[in-house]
Amino acid sequence: MKGVAIRQRLARVEWRELDLRDSAHWPPLVQWLCCLLLVVALASLSLHYLVRPGMQALAMAQREEVELLSRYRRQLSRVASLPQRREQLARHQEALSWLAGAFPASAEMAALIDAIGRAAQRRGVELTTVELQPVIQRPPLAVHPVSLEIAGAFHDLGHFVSDISTLERLVTWHELRMVEGDAGVRLSLQARAYQFAASGEEGDE
């Protein structure tokens, strides 16, 4: 009923006769309605110019908070895995240390030939032929083949080959041929040593 009464009272207002300069004498209902419209307008302007920038700043701060939390969790995960990473690094360094000896930067063939001669003498076998073959380039490695002929007892030859295989630098065996005779066994084979080809050194030291 109040709503109907208000509409009826507004309908009786002569809007064209209202003078803004004489607003103090407007009907109370019209004054109240104008005040309400003014409050709504002021609230809208305040929301647009005061509250909205704060809301935008708040939304930006929330996005930054999410990003910082995500970054913090990543850093925390890295810190938690630090002992494991250190262990992996130690294994890698050990592997690199072994590679440095297995694939030296220089040929070092003279030292290898000396090691072969000492192993033959220690095992009591006769090293009849030692012949260096042309270097084979297989980047990043250079392969240094050495043709060998050895004579001796079967088990002594086995021990000799085993000794060479346990050298610090990597040596592989190829083209093995064995001939058994009255004086023992004659073994011919090719030993291959390796070096990092990046050094550019292919000759003997």
Protein backbone atom coordinates (compact mmCIF):
# COMPACT_ATOMS: atom_id res chain seq x y z
CA MET A 1 0.00 0.00 0.00
CA LYS A 2 2.87 2.37 0.75
CA GLY A 3 4.25 1.87 -2.71
CA VAL A 4 0.90 2.72 -4.28
CA ALA A 5 0.55 5.81 -2.12
CA ILE A 6 4.06 6.98 -3.06
CA ARG A 7 3.35 6.53 -6.77
CA GLN A 8 0.10 8.45 -6.41
CA ARG A 9 1.84 11.32 -4.60
CA LEU A 10 4.58 11.44 -7.25
CA ALA A 11 1.95 11.48 -9.98
CA ARG A 12 0.38 14.61 -8.43
CA VAL A 13 3.71 16.49 -8.50
CA GLU A 14 3.95 19.16 -11.18
CA TRP A 15 7.51 18.38 -12.30
CA ARG A 16 7.64 21.24 -14.79
CA GLU A 17 6.84 23.77 -12.09
CA LEU A 18 9.72 22.66 -9.87
CA ASP A 19 12.45 25.26 -9.73
CA LEU A 20 15.93 24.15 -8.75
CA ARG A 21 16.58 27.48 -7.04
CA ASP A 22 13.51 26.91 -4.90
CA SER A 23 14.32 23.33 -3.95
CA ALA A 24 13.79 24.09 -0.27
CA HIS A 25 10.06 24.38 -0.93
CA TRP A 26 9.74 21.19 -2.97
CA PRO A 27 7.40 18.52 -1.64
CA PRO A 28 9.13 16.41 1.03
CA LEU A 29 8.77 13.28 -1.09
CA VAL A 30 10.54 14.91 -4.01
CA GLN A 31 13.30 16.20 -1.72
CA TRP A 32 13.77 12.74 -0.26
CA LEU A 33 13.85 11.18 -3.73
CA CYS A 34 16.45 13.69 -4.92
CA CYS A 35 18.60 13.04 -1.86
CA LEU A 36 18.40 9.33 -2.51
CA LEU A 37 19.46 9.82 -6.14
CA LEU A 38 22.33 12.06 -5.00
CA VAL A 39 23.51 9.44 -2.50
CA VAL A 40 23.41 6.72 -5.17
CA ALA A 41 25.35 8.94 -7.59
CA LEU A 42 27.97 9.79 -4.95
CA ALA A 43 28.30 6.11 -4.02
CA SER A 44 28.77 5.17 -7.67
CA LEU A 45 31.43 7.84 -8.16
CA SER A 46 33.22 6.77 -4.97
CA LEU A 47 33.18 3.16 -6.12
CA HIS A 48 34.58 4.11 -9.49
CA TYR A 49 37.32 6.50 -8.39
CA LEU A 50 38.22 5.23 -4.91
CA VAL A 51 37.28 1.61 -4.43
CA ARG A 52 38.02 0.25 -7.91
CA PRO A 53 41.74 1.25 -7.93
CA GLY A 54 42.08 -0.40 -4.52
CA MET A 55 40.37 -3.53 -5.83
CA GLN A 56 42.69 -3.59 -8.84
CA ALA A 57 45.71 -3.21 -6.55
CA LEU A 58 44.37 -6.00 -4.36
CA ALA A 59 43.90 -8.30 -7.37
CA MET A 60 47.44 -7.51 -8.54
CA ALA A 61 48.80 -8.20 -5.05
CA GLN A 62 46.95 -11.52 -4.97
CA ARG A 63 48.43 -12.54 -8.34
CA GLU A 64 51.89 -11.53 -7.12
CA GLU A 65 51.32 -13.54 -3.94
CA VAL A 66 50.46 -16.64 -5.98
CA GLU A 67 53.57 -16.16 -8.12
CA LEU A 68 55.82 -15.66 -5.08
CA LEU A 69 54.36 -18.74 -3.39
CA SER A 70 54.99 -20.79 -6.53
CA ARG A 71 58.57 -19.49 -6.72
CA TYR A 72 59.07 -20.23 -3.03
CA ARG A 73 57.82 -23.80 -3.47
CA ARG A 74 60.21 -24.33 -6.41
CA GLN A 75 63.14 -23.01 -4.38
CA LEU A 76 62.10 -25.17 -1.42
CA SER A 77 61.99 -28.23 -3.68
CA ARG A 78 65.50 -27.45 -4.96
CA VAL A 79 66.80 -27.06 -1.42
CA ALA A 80 65.19 -30.36 -0.40
CA SER A 81 66.87 -32.13 -3.34
CA LEU A 82 70.27 -30.48 -2.68
CA PRO A 83 71.84 -33.55 -0.96
CA GLN A 84 70.77 -35.73 -3.88
CA ARG A 85 72.15 -33.20 -6.38
CA ARG A 86 75.45 -33.11 -4.50
CA GLU A 87 75.62 -36.89 -4.61
CA GLN A 88 74.95 -36.85 -8.36
CA LEU A 89 77.62 -34.19 -8.82
CA ALA A 90 80.13 -36.32 -6.91
CA ARG A 91 79.33 -39.32 -9.14
CA HIS A 92 79.69 -37.20 -12.27
CA GLN A 93 83.02 -35.83 -11.08
CA GLU A 94 84.21 -39.36 -10.37
CA ALA A 95 83.13 -40.46 -13.85
CA LEU A 96 84.90 -37.46 -15.42
CA SER A 97 88.02 -38.26 -13.44
CA TRP A 98 87.96 -41.81 -14.79
CA LEU A 99 87.41 -40.54 -18.34
CA ALA A 100 90.37 -38.18 -17.99
CA GLY A 101 92.57 -41.24 -17.40
CA ALA A 102 90.82 -43.59 -19.83
CA PHE A 103 90.82 -41.02 -22.66
CA PRO A 104 93.88 -38.79 -22.05
CA ALA A 105 94.29 -35.52 -23.94
CA SER A 106 97.62 -36.70 -25.42
CA ALA A 107 98.44 -39.98 -27.12
CA GLU A 108 100.92 -41.20 -24.43
CA MET A 109 101.71 -44.22 -26.59
CA ALA A 110 105.27 -44.50 -25.32
CA ALA A 111 103.95 -44.96 -21.77
CA LEU A 112 101.46 -47.54 -23.01
CA ILE A 113 104.16 -49.54 -24.84
CA ASP A 114 106.28 -49.49 -21.67
CA ALA A 115 103.31 -50.79 -19.66
CA ILE A 116 102.76 -53.60 -22.20
CA GLY A 117 106.48 -54.53 -22.02
CA ARG A 118 106.44 -54.61 -18.20
CA ALA A 119 103.29 -56.76 -18.18
CA ALA A 120 104.89 -59.23 -20.63
CA GLN A 121 108.04 -59.45 -18.52
CA ARG A 122 106.03 -59.88 -15.31
CA ARG A 123 103.94 -62.73 -16.80
CA GLY A 124 106.91 -64.48 -18.43
CA VAL A 125 105.68 -64.15 -22.02
CA GLU A 126 107.76 -63.12 -25.04
CA LEU A 127 106.66 -59.95 -26.80
CA THR A 128 107.99 -60.59 -30.31
CA THR A 129 106.28 -57.78 -32.27
CA VAL A 130 105.00 -54.31 -31.35
CA GLU A 131 103.87 -52.27 -34.35
CA LEU A 132 102.02 -48.96 -34.23
CA GLN A 133 99.23 -48.65 -36.81
CA PRO A 134 97.83 -45.43 -38.39
CA VAL A 135 95.59 -43.40 -36.14
CA ILE A 136 91.83 -43.76 -36.73
CA GLN A 137 89.79 -40.60 -36.24
CA ARG A 138 86.39 -41.18 -34.63
CA PRO A 139 85.44 -37.77 -33.25
CA PRO A 140 85.54 -36.86 -30.47
CA LEU A 141 88.09 -39.67 -30.03
CA ALA A 142 91.26 -40.71 -31.84
CA VAL A 143 91.97 -44.46 -31.88
CA HIS A 144 95.61 -45.64 -31.71
CA PRO A 145 95.90 -49.30 -32.84
CA VAL A 146 98.95 -51.35 -31.83
CA SER A 147 99.60 -54.76 -33.42
CA LEU A 148 101.14 -57.28 -31.00
CA GLU A 149 102.55 -60.79 -31.28
CA ILE A 150 103.16 -62.64 -28.04
CA ALA A 151 104.40 -66.16 -27.33
CA GLY A 152 104.14 -68.10 -24.12
CA ALA A 153 102.07 -70.52 -22.07
CA PHE A 154 98.30 -70.30 -22.45
CA HIS A 155 97.58 -69.22 -18.87
CA ASP A 156 100.44 -66.72 -18.88
CA LEU A 157 99.02 -65.13 -22.03
CA GLY A 158 95.62 -64.91 -20.34
CA HIS A 159 97.14 -63.15 -17.32
CA PHE A 160 99.02 -60.77 -19.63
CA VAL A 161 95.83 -59.77 -21.50
CA SER A 162 94.06 -59.31 -18.15
CA ASP A 163 96.85 -57.03 -16.88
CA ILE A 164 96.62 -54.79 -19.93
CA SER A 165 92.83 -54.62 -19.56
CA THR A 166 93.19 -53.25 -16.03
CA LEU A 167 95.40 -50.31 -16.99
CA GLU A 168 94.18 -46.86 -15.99
CA ARG A 169 93.60 -45.85 -19.61
CA LEU A 170 91.11 -47.77 -21.71
CA VAL A 171 92.59 -50.47 -23.97
CA THR A 172 90.43 -52.81 -26.05
CA TRP A 173 91.45 -56.00 -27.84
CA HIS A 174 90.66 -56.80 -31.49
CA GLU A 175 91.59 -59.30 -34.25
CA LEU A 176 92.76 -62.03 -31.89
CA ARG A 177 94.45 -65.02 -33.55
CA MET A 178 95.97 -67.88 -31.58
CA VAL A 179 98.27 -70.61 -32.92
CA GLU A 180 99.35 -73.51 -30.72
CA GLY A 181 102.81 -74.98 -31.24
CA ASP A 182 105.25 -77.31 -29.55
CA ALA A 183 106.87 -74.45 -27.59
CA GLY A 184 103.57 -73.01 -26.40
CA VAL A 185 101.02 -70.64 -27.82
CA ARG A 186 101.60 -67.72 -30.20
CA LEU A 187 99.00 -64.96 -29.94
CA SER A 188 98.58 -62.10 -32.40
CA LEU A 189 96.12 -59.32 -31.68
CA GLN A 190 95.51 -55.61 -31.98
CA ALA A 191 95.30 -53.38 -28.92
CA ARG A 192 93.48 -50.07 -29.34
CA ALA A 193 94.09 -47.09 -27.07
CA TYR A 194 92.01 -43.92 -27.14
CA GLN A 195 92.50 -40.20 -26.64
CA PHE A 196 90.37 -37.08 -26.92
CA ALA A 197 90.82 -35.92 -30.52
CA ALA A 198 90.18 -32.28 -29.52
CA SER A 199 93.80 -31.96 -28.40
CA GLY A 200 95.00 -32.46 -31.99
CA GLU A 201 97.96 -34.62 -30.78
CA GLU A 202 98.23 -37.84 -32.76
CA GLY A 203 101.88 -38.75 -32.49
CA ASP A 204 103.76 -40.71 -29.88
CA GLU A 205 105.13 -39.06 -26.82
